[in-house]
Amino acid sequence: MGMSVGAGGGRGGRGHRRRGRHHALMSEINVTPMVDVMLVLLIIFMVAAPMLTVGVPVDLPDTQAKAMNADTQPITVSIDAQGKIYLQNTEIAMDDLVAKLQAISKTGYDERIFIRGDKSTDYGTAMKVMARINAAGYKNMGLVSLQEQDQ
């Protein structure tokens, strides 16, 4: 496969007349398709993000406290209306709570643990859970609530 570079005889040489216009190569990047793809991905993530929250249905109480800044994903312990205890999304027995916390803890006893309790949860059950977590050595606990809405 060769190509001759001569004076006027070969294809594309001086003596050859082209039919139609001469089109130069376009050396610019067309960003419109990339922007379209990015916008579609943005919409997909905006729709999917609320579905990735903790899946235990808990009716949280309202408070006037301000929202906390969260740098990392904390460990979440939830207590539903029937008094069942969940570690992240998995139901767990009260006696197994401390062992499981120690198994999944990344930074040891400095790990932040959020406790989510349903409004109708027995106060004693919530205190037992907090006492077990505290007795195991975890001191960084927080109670999760919803911000009060002005009516």
N, C-alpha and C. Protein backbone atom coordinates (compact mmCIF):
# COMPACT_ATOMS: atom_id res chain seq x y z
N MET A 1 0.84 -1.15 0.00
CA MET A 1 0.00 0.00 0.00
C MET A 1 0.90 1.23 0.00
N GLY A 2 0.98 1.85 -1.12
CA GLY A 2 1.85 3.01 -1.21
C GLY A 2 1.10 4.21 -1.74
N MET A 3 1.75 5.33 -1.65
CA MET A 3 1.14 6.56 -2.12
C MET A 3 2.21 7.37 -2.81
N SER A 4 1.89 7.81 -3.97
CA SER A 4 2.89 8.57 -4.70
C SER A 4 2.76 10.05 -4.40
N VAL A 5 3.86 10.67 -4.21
CA VAL A 5 3.89 12.11 -3.97
C VAL A 5 4.63 12.71 -5.15
N GLY A 6 3.87 13.11 -6.11
CA GLY A 6 4.51 13.63 -7.30
C GLY A 6 3.91 14.96 -7.70
N ALA A 7 4.36 15.47 -8.79
CA ALA A 7 3.89 16.77 -9.26
C ALA A 7 2.76 16.59 -10.24
N GLY A 8 1.59 16.56 -9.81
CA GLY A 8 0.43 16.64 -10.66
C GLY A 8 -0.14 15.34 -11.14
N GLY A 9 0.49 14.23 -10.97
CA GLY A 9 -0.04 13.01 -11.53
C GLY A 9 -0.97 12.25 -10.61
N GLY A 10 -0.73 12.27 -9.34
CA GLY A 10 -1.48 11.44 -8.41
C GLY A 10 -2.73 12.11 -7.88
N ARG A 11 -3.44 11.39 -7.17
CA ARG A 11 -4.67 11.88 -6.57
C ARG A 11 -4.34 12.91 -5.52
N GLY A 12 -5.01 14.02 -5.52
CA GLY A 12 -4.78 15.05 -4.54
C GLY A 12 -3.61 15.92 -4.91
N GLY A 13 -3.02 15.73 -6.08
CA GLY A 13 -1.90 16.55 -6.50
C GLY A 13 -2.38 17.88 -7.08
N ARG A 14 -1.48 18.59 -7.67
CA ARG A 14 -1.79 19.92 -8.19
C ARG A 14 -2.71 19.90 -9.39
N GLY A 15 -2.49 18.99 -10.27
CA GLY A 15 -3.24 18.99 -11.51
C GLY A 15 -4.62 18.39 -11.38
N HIS A 16 -4.97 17.84 -10.28
CA HIS A 16 -6.26 17.18 -10.10
C HIS A 16 -7.30 18.17 -9.61
N ARG A 17 -8.41 18.23 -10.30
CA ARG A 17 -9.51 19.11 -9.86
C ARG A 17 -10.48 18.29 -9.05
N ARG A 18 -10.82 18.80 -7.91
CA ARG A 18 -11.77 18.11 -7.04
C ARG A 18 -13.17 18.59 -7.34
N ARG A 19 -14.06 17.68 -7.25
CA ARG A 19 -15.46 18.07 -7.36
C ARG A 19 -15.95 18.41 -5.97
N GLY A 20 -16.76 19.41 -5.84
CA GLY A 20 -17.28 19.82 -4.54
C GLY A 20 -16.32 20.72 -3.81
N ARG A 21 -16.63 20.97 -2.59
CA ARG A 21 -15.82 21.88 -1.78
C ARG A 21 -14.70 21.16 -1.06
N HIS A 22 -13.73 21.95 -0.72
CA HIS A 22 -12.61 21.41 0.05
C HIS A 22 -12.95 21.58 1.54
N HIS A 23 -13.05 20.49 2.27
CA HIS A 23 -13.37 20.54 3.71
C HIS A 23 -12.11 20.30 4.51
N ALA A 24 -11.79 21.27 5.33
CA ALA A 24 -10.64 21.11 6.21
C ALA A 24 -11.04 20.26 7.41
N LEU A 25 -10.11 19.57 7.99
CA LEU A 25 -10.40 18.78 9.18
C LEU A 25 -10.76 19.71 10.33
N MET A 26 -11.78 19.29 11.08
CA MET A 26 -12.20 20.10 12.22
C MET A 26 -11.39 19.66 13.43
N SER A 27 -10.66 20.58 13.99
CA SER A 27 -9.79 20.23 15.11
C SER A 27 -10.35 20.69 16.44
N GLU A 28 -11.63 21.06 16.48
CA GLU A 28 -12.26 21.49 17.73
C GLU A 28 -13.10 20.35 18.28
N ILE A 29 -13.21 20.30 19.59
CA ILE A 29 -14.01 19.27 20.25
C ILE A 29 -15.43 19.77 20.38
N ASN A 30 -16.38 18.93 20.00
CA ASN A 30 -17.79 19.27 20.14
C ASN A 30 -18.23 18.86 21.54
N VAL A 31 -18.48 19.80 22.42
CA VAL A 31 -18.79 19.49 23.82
C VAL A 31 -20.28 19.29 24.06
N THR A 32 -21.12 19.56 23.08
CA THR A 32 -22.56 19.44 23.28
C THR A 32 -22.98 18.03 23.70
N PRO A 33 -22.52 16.96 23.03
CA PRO A 33 -22.91 15.62 23.49
C PRO A 33 -22.43 15.32 24.90
N MET A 34 -21.23 15.79 25.25
CA MET A 34 -20.73 15.55 26.60
C MET A 34 -21.60 16.27 27.63
N VAL A 35 -22.02 17.49 27.35
CA VAL A 35 -22.88 18.23 28.27
C VAL A 35 -24.22 17.52 28.41
N ASP A 36 -24.75 17.00 27.31
CA ASP A 36 -26.02 16.26 27.37
C ASP A 36 -25.90 15.04 28.27
N VAL A 37 -24.82 14.31 28.13
CA VAL A 37 -24.62 13.12 28.96
C VAL A 37 -24.47 13.51 30.42
N MET A 38 -23.74 14.57 30.71
CA MET A 38 -23.55 15.00 32.09
C MET A 38 -24.87 15.44 32.72
N LEU A 39 -25.70 16.14 31.96
CA LEU A 39 -27.00 16.56 32.50
C LEU A 39 -27.90 15.36 32.79
N VAL A 40 -27.88 14.36 31.93
CA VAL A 40 -28.67 13.15 32.17
C VAL A 40 -28.17 12.44 33.43
N LEU A 41 -26.84 12.34 33.59
CA LEU A 41 -26.29 11.71 34.79
C LEU A 41 -26.64 12.50 36.05
N LEU A 42 -26.61 13.83 35.96
CA LEU A 42 -26.98 14.66 37.10
C LEU A 42 -28.41 14.40 37.51
N ILE A 43 -29.31 14.33 36.56
CA ILE A 43 -30.72 14.08 36.87
C ILE A 43 -30.89 12.70 37.49
N ILE A 44 -30.19 11.70 36.96
CA ILE A 44 -30.29 10.35 37.52
C ILE A 44 -29.82 10.33 38.97
N PHE A 45 -28.69 10.99 39.26
CA PHE A 45 -28.19 10.99 40.63
C PHE A 45 -29.09 11.80 41.56
N MET A 46 -29.69 12.87 41.06
CA MET A 46 -30.60 13.66 41.91
C MET A 46 -31.84 12.86 42.27
N VAL A 47 -32.31 12.02 41.36
CA VAL A 47 -33.49 11.20 41.64
C VAL A 47 -33.12 10.02 42.53
N ALA A 48 -31.93 9.44 42.32
CA ALA A 48 -31.54 8.24 43.05
C ALA A 48 -31.03 8.54 44.46
N ALA A 49 -30.49 9.72 44.72
CA ALA A 49 -29.88 10.02 46.02
C ALA A 49 -30.86 9.90 47.19
N PRO A 50 -32.09 10.41 47.11
CA PRO A 50 -32.99 10.25 48.26
C PRO A 50 -33.35 8.80 48.54
N MET A 51 -33.22 7.93 47.55
CA MET A 51 -33.55 6.52 47.76
C MET A 51 -32.44 5.77 48.49
N LEU A 52 -31.27 6.38 48.64
CA LEU A 52 -30.13 5.72 49.28
C LEU A 52 -30.05 5.98 50.78
N THR A 53 -31.04 6.64 51.35
CA THR A 53 -31.01 6.93 52.79
C THR A 53 -31.34 5.68 53.59
N VAL A 54 -31.20 5.77 54.90
CA VAL A 54 -31.45 4.63 55.78
C VAL A 54 -32.88 4.15 55.59
N GLY A 55 -33.06 2.85 55.43
CA GLY A 55 -34.34 2.30 55.03
C GLY A 55 -35.29 1.92 56.14
N VAL A 56 -34.97 2.12 57.40
CA VAL A 56 -35.89 1.75 58.47
C VAL A 56 -36.90 2.88 58.63
N PRO A 57 -38.20 2.59 58.46
CA PRO A 57 -39.20 3.66 58.59
C PRO A 57 -39.40 4.07 60.05
N VAL A 58 -38.95 5.26 60.39
CA VAL A 58 -39.05 5.78 61.75
C VAL A 58 -39.65 7.17 61.67
N ASP A 59 -40.64 7.44 62.50
CA ASP A 59 -41.28 8.76 62.55
C ASP A 59 -40.51 9.59 63.58
N LEU A 60 -39.58 10.42 63.11
CA LEU A 60 -38.69 11.17 64.01
C LEU A 60 -39.42 12.36 64.62
N PRO A 61 -39.08 12.71 65.86
CA PRO A 61 -39.69 13.88 66.49
C PRO A 61 -39.11 15.17 65.92
N ASP A 62 -39.84 16.27 66.05
CA ASP A 62 -39.40 17.58 65.57
C ASP A 62 -38.67 18.32 66.69
N THR A 63 -37.60 19.05 66.33
CA THR A 63 -36.88 19.88 67.30
C THR A 63 -36.49 21.19 66.63
N GLN A 64 -35.97 22.11 67.43
CA GLN A 64 -35.51 23.38 66.91
C GLN A 64 -34.00 23.40 66.72
N ALA A 65 -33.34 22.27 66.87
CA ALA A 65 -31.89 22.20 66.73
C ALA A 65 -31.50 22.36 65.27
N LYS A 66 -30.31 22.90 65.06
CA LYS A 66 -29.79 23.08 63.70
C LYS A 66 -29.18 21.78 63.20
N ALA A 67 -29.12 21.63 61.88
CA ALA A 67 -28.56 20.43 61.27
C ALA A 67 -27.06 20.37 61.53
N MET A 68 -26.52 19.14 61.67
CA MET A 68 -25.10 18.93 61.91
C MET A 68 -24.38 18.76 60.58
N ASN A 69 -23.13 19.18 60.54
CA ASN A 69 -22.30 18.92 59.37
C ASN A 69 -21.73 17.52 59.50
N ALA A 70 -21.89 16.72 58.45
CA ALA A 70 -21.40 15.34 58.50
C ALA A 70 -20.29 15.16 57.46
N ASP A 71 -19.07 14.83 57.93
CA ASP A 71 -17.96 14.61 57.02
C ASP A 71 -17.95 13.17 56.51
N THR A 72 -18.26 12.24 57.39
CA THR A 72 -18.26 10.83 57.01
C THR A 72 -19.62 10.24 57.33
N GLN A 73 -19.87 9.08 56.79
CA GLN A 73 -21.14 8.38 57.03
C GLN A 73 -21.10 7.77 58.43
N PRO A 74 -21.99 8.17 59.33
CA PRO A 74 -21.97 7.62 60.68
C PRO A 74 -22.66 6.26 60.75
N ILE A 75 -22.44 5.57 61.85
CA ILE A 75 -23.18 4.35 62.13
C ILE A 75 -24.54 4.77 62.65
N THR A 76 -25.60 4.13 62.17
CA THR A 76 -26.96 4.50 62.57
C THR A 76 -27.62 3.34 63.29
N VAL A 77 -28.12 3.62 64.49
CA VAL A 77 -28.91 2.66 65.25
C VAL A 77 -30.33 3.22 65.30
N SER A 78 -31.31 2.43 64.82
CA SER A 78 -32.69 2.88 64.77
C SER A 78 -33.55 2.04 65.69
N ILE A 79 -34.55 2.68 66.28
CA ILE A 79 -35.52 1.99 67.13
C ILE A 79 -36.90 2.33 66.58
N ASP A 80 -37.64 1.31 66.13
CA ASP A 80 -38.95 1.59 65.55
C ASP A 80 -40.03 1.64 66.63
N ALA A 81 -41.27 1.84 66.20
CA ALA A 81 -42.38 2.02 67.14
C ALA A 81 -42.62 0.77 68.00
N GLN A 82 -42.29 -0.41 67.49
CA GLN A 82 -42.50 -1.65 68.26
C GLN A 82 -41.32 -1.96 69.18
N GLY A 83 -40.28 -1.15 69.16
CA GLY A 83 -39.13 -1.36 70.03
C GLY A 83 -38.06 -2.23 69.41
N LYS A 84 -38.19 -2.56 68.11
CA LYS A 84 -37.16 -3.35 67.43
C LYS A 84 -35.95 -2.46 67.16
N ILE A 85 -34.76 -3.04 67.31
CA ILE A 85 -33.52 -2.29 67.14
C ILE A 85 -32.88 -2.69 65.81
N TYR A 86 -32.42 -1.67 65.06
CA TYR A 86 -31.79 -1.90 63.76
C TYR A 86 -30.41 -1.26 63.78
N LEU A 87 -29.42 -1.98 63.29
CA LEU A 87 -28.08 -1.44 63.09
C LEU A 87 -27.95 -1.25 61.59
N GLN A 88 -27.86 0.04 61.16
CA GLN A 88 -27.99 0.43 59.76
C GLN A 88 -29.37 -0.04 59.29
N ASN A 89 -29.51 -1.04 58.43
CA ASN A 89 -30.82 -1.51 57.96
C ASN A 89 -31.16 -2.91 58.45
N THR A 90 -30.31 -3.49 59.30
CA THR A 90 -30.48 -4.87 59.73
C THR A 90 -31.01 -4.93 61.15
N GLU A 91 -32.08 -5.72 61.33
CA GLU A 91 -32.62 -5.89 62.69
C GLU A 91 -31.61 -6.68 63.52
N ILE A 92 -31.48 -6.29 64.79
CA ILE A 92 -30.47 -6.89 65.67
C ILE A 92 -31.04 -6.99 67.08
N ALA A 93 -30.60 -7.98 67.82
CA ALA A 93 -31.01 -8.13 69.21
C ALA A 93 -30.21 -7.17 70.08
N MET A 94 -30.80 -6.75 71.21
CA MET A 94 -30.15 -5.82 72.12
C MET A 94 -28.82 -6.37 72.61
N ASP A 95 -28.74 -7.68 72.85
CA ASP A 95 -27.52 -8.29 73.38
C ASP A 95 -26.38 -8.33 72.35
N ASP A 96 -26.73 -8.34 71.06
CA ASP A 96 -25.71 -8.40 70.00
C ASP A 96 -25.25 -7.03 69.54
N LEU A 97 -25.86 -5.95 70.04
CA LEU A 97 -25.60 -4.60 69.54
C LEU A 97 -24.13 -4.19 69.71
N VAL A 98 -23.58 -4.37 70.89
CA VAL A 98 -22.22 -3.91 71.16
C VAL A 98 -21.20 -4.70 70.34
N ALA A 99 -21.37 -6.00 70.24
CA ALA A 99 -20.43 -6.82 69.46
C ALA A 99 -20.44 -6.41 67.99
N LYS A 100 -21.62 -6.16 67.44
CA LYS A 100 -21.72 -5.75 66.03
C LYS A 100 -21.13 -4.36 65.82
N LEU A 101 -21.34 -3.45 66.78
CA LEU A 101 -20.76 -2.11 66.67
C LEU A 101 -19.24 -2.19 66.64
N GLN A 102 -18.67 -3.00 67.49
CA GLN A 102 -17.23 -3.14 67.53
C GLN A 102 -16.70 -3.78 66.24
N ALA A 103 -17.50 -4.66 65.64
CA ALA A 103 -17.07 -5.33 64.41
C ALA A 103 -17.07 -4.39 63.21
N ILE A 104 -18.04 -3.46 63.14
CA ILE A 104 -18.12 -2.59 61.96
C ILE A 104 -17.47 -1.23 62.17
N SER A 105 -17.04 -0.95 63.38
CA SER A 105 -16.43 0.35 63.67
C SER A 105 -15.10 0.49 62.96
N LYS A 106 -14.89 1.62 62.26
CA LYS A 106 -13.66 1.85 61.51
C LYS A 106 -12.63 2.58 62.35
N THR A 107 -13.09 3.54 63.17
CA THR A 107 -12.13 4.35 63.94
C THR A 107 -12.19 4.04 65.43
N GLY A 108 -12.71 2.90 65.78
CA GLY A 108 -12.76 2.51 67.18
C GLY A 108 -13.82 3.26 67.95
N TYR A 109 -13.49 3.61 69.18
CA TYR A 109 -14.48 4.23 70.07
C TYR A 109 -14.77 5.68 69.71
N ASP A 110 -14.01 6.26 68.78
CA ASP A 110 -14.28 7.63 68.35
C ASP A 110 -15.32 7.68 67.23
N GLU A 111 -15.82 6.53 66.81
CA GLU A 111 -16.81 6.47 65.74
C GLU A 111 -18.09 7.20 66.16
N ARG A 112 -18.65 7.97 65.24
CA ARG A 112 -19.89 8.69 65.52
C ARG A 112 -21.06 7.74 65.30
N ILE A 113 -21.97 7.69 66.27
CA ILE A 113 -23.13 6.82 66.21
C ILE A 113 -24.38 7.68 66.34
N PHE A 114 -25.27 7.59 65.33
CA PHE A 114 -26.54 8.32 65.37
C PHE A 114 -27.63 7.36 65.82
N ILE A 115 -28.45 7.83 66.75
CA ILE A 115 -29.56 7.03 67.26
C ILE A 115 -30.85 7.66 66.78
N ARG A 116 -31.62 6.89 66.01
CA ARG A 116 -32.89 7.35 65.48
C ARG A 116 -34.00 6.59 66.20
N GLY A 117 -34.86 7.31 66.90
CA GLY A 117 -35.95 6.68 67.62
C GLY A 117 -37.29 7.21 67.16
N ASP A 118 -38.24 6.32 66.94
CA ASP A 118 -39.59 6.72 66.55
C ASP A 118 -40.22 7.55 67.67
N LYS A 119 -41.14 8.45 67.31
CA LYS A 119 -41.82 9.28 68.32
C LYS A 119 -42.50 8.43 69.38
N SER A 120 -43.08 7.32 68.96
CA SER A 120 -43.83 6.49 69.90
C SER A 120 -42.98 5.42 70.57
N THR A 121 -41.67 5.46 70.38
CA THR A 121 -40.77 4.51 71.03
C THR A 121 -40.77 4.75 72.54
N ASP A 122 -40.74 3.66 73.27
CA ASP A 122 -40.66 3.74 74.72
C ASP A 122 -39.34 4.41 75.12
N TYR A 123 -39.42 5.38 76.00
CA TYR A 123 -38.24 6.13 76.45
C TYR A 123 -37.22 5.18 77.09
N GLY A 124 -37.69 4.20 77.82
CA GLY A 124 -36.81 3.24 78.49
C GLY A 124 -36.01 2.42 77.49
N THR A 125 -36.62 2.04 76.38
CA THR A 125 -35.91 1.27 75.35
C THR A 125 -34.79 2.10 74.74
N ALA A 126 -35.09 3.36 74.46
CA ALA A 126 -34.07 4.25 73.89
C ALA A 126 -32.91 4.44 74.88
N MET A 127 -33.22 4.57 76.15
CA MET A 127 -32.18 4.74 77.16
C MET A 127 -31.35 3.47 77.34
N LYS A 128 -31.98 2.31 77.22
CA LYS A 128 -31.23 1.05 77.32
C LYS A 128 -30.23 0.93 76.17
N VAL A 129 -30.68 1.29 74.97
CA VAL A 129 -29.79 1.23 73.82
C VAL A 129 -28.62 2.18 74.01
N MET A 130 -28.90 3.41 74.43
CA MET A 130 -27.83 4.39 74.66
C MET A 130 -26.89 3.94 75.76
N ALA A 131 -27.42 3.33 76.81
CA ALA A 131 -26.59 2.86 77.92
C ALA A 131 -25.66 1.74 77.46
N ARG A 132 -26.18 0.82 76.62
CA ARG A 132 -25.34 -0.27 76.12
C ARG A 132 -24.19 0.27 75.26
N ILE A 133 -24.53 1.23 74.40
CA ILE A 133 -23.51 1.80 73.52
C ILE A 133 -22.46 2.54 74.35
N ASN A 134 -22.90 3.28 75.35
CA ASN A 134 -22.01 4.04 76.22
C ASN A 134 -21.14 3.09 77.06
N ALA A 135 -21.74 2.03 77.58
CA ALA A 135 -20.98 1.07 78.39
C ALA A 135 -19.92 0.35 77.55
N ALA A 136 -20.15 0.23 76.25
CA ALA A 136 -19.18 -0.42 75.38
C ALA A 136 -17.99 0.48 75.09
N GLY A 137 -18.08 1.78 75.47
CA GLY A 137 -16.95 2.68 75.29
C GLY A 137 -17.16 3.75 74.25
N TYR A 138 -18.28 3.73 73.56
CA TYR A 138 -18.56 4.74 72.54
C TYR A 138 -19.13 5.99 73.21
N LYS A 139 -18.47 7.11 73.01
CA LYS A 139 -18.90 8.35 73.66
C LYS A 139 -19.51 9.36 72.68
N ASN A 140 -19.30 9.16 71.38
CA ASN A 140 -19.74 10.11 70.36
C ASN A 140 -21.09 9.68 69.79
N MET A 141 -22.16 9.93 70.57
CA MET A 141 -23.51 9.56 70.15
C MET A 141 -24.32 10.82 69.89
N GLY A 142 -25.27 10.70 68.99
CA GLY A 142 -26.17 11.81 68.69
C GLY A 142 -27.56 11.30 68.43
N LEU A 143 -28.56 12.05 68.91
CA LEU A 143 -29.95 11.71 68.65
C LEU A 143 -30.40 12.44 67.39
N VAL A 144 -31.03 11.72 66.47
CA VAL A 144 -31.49 12.28 65.21
C VAL A 144 -32.94 12.71 65.35
N SER A 145 -33.25 13.92 64.85
CA SER A 145 -34.63 14.41 64.85
C SER A 145 -34.85 15.21 63.60
N LEU A 146 -36.09 15.55 63.33
CA LEU A 146 -36.43 16.42 62.22
C LEU A 146 -36.48 17.86 62.70
N GLN A 147 -36.14 18.80 61.82
CA GLN A 147 -36.24 20.21 62.21
C GLN A 147 -37.71 20.61 62.23
N GLU A 148 -38.07 21.39 63.25
CA GLU A 148 -39.44 21.86 63.38
C GLU A 148 -39.80 22.79 62.23
N GLN A 149 -40.98 22.59 61.67
CA GLN A 149 -41.47 23.44 60.60
C GLN A 149 -42.40 24.50 61.19
N ASP A 150 -42.23 25.77 60.76
CA ASP A 150 -43.12 26.84 61.23
C ASP A 150 -44.50 26.62 60.61
N GLN A 151 -45.52 26.74 61.44
CA GLN A 151 -46.90 26.51 60.95
C GLN A 151 -47.71 27.76 61.01
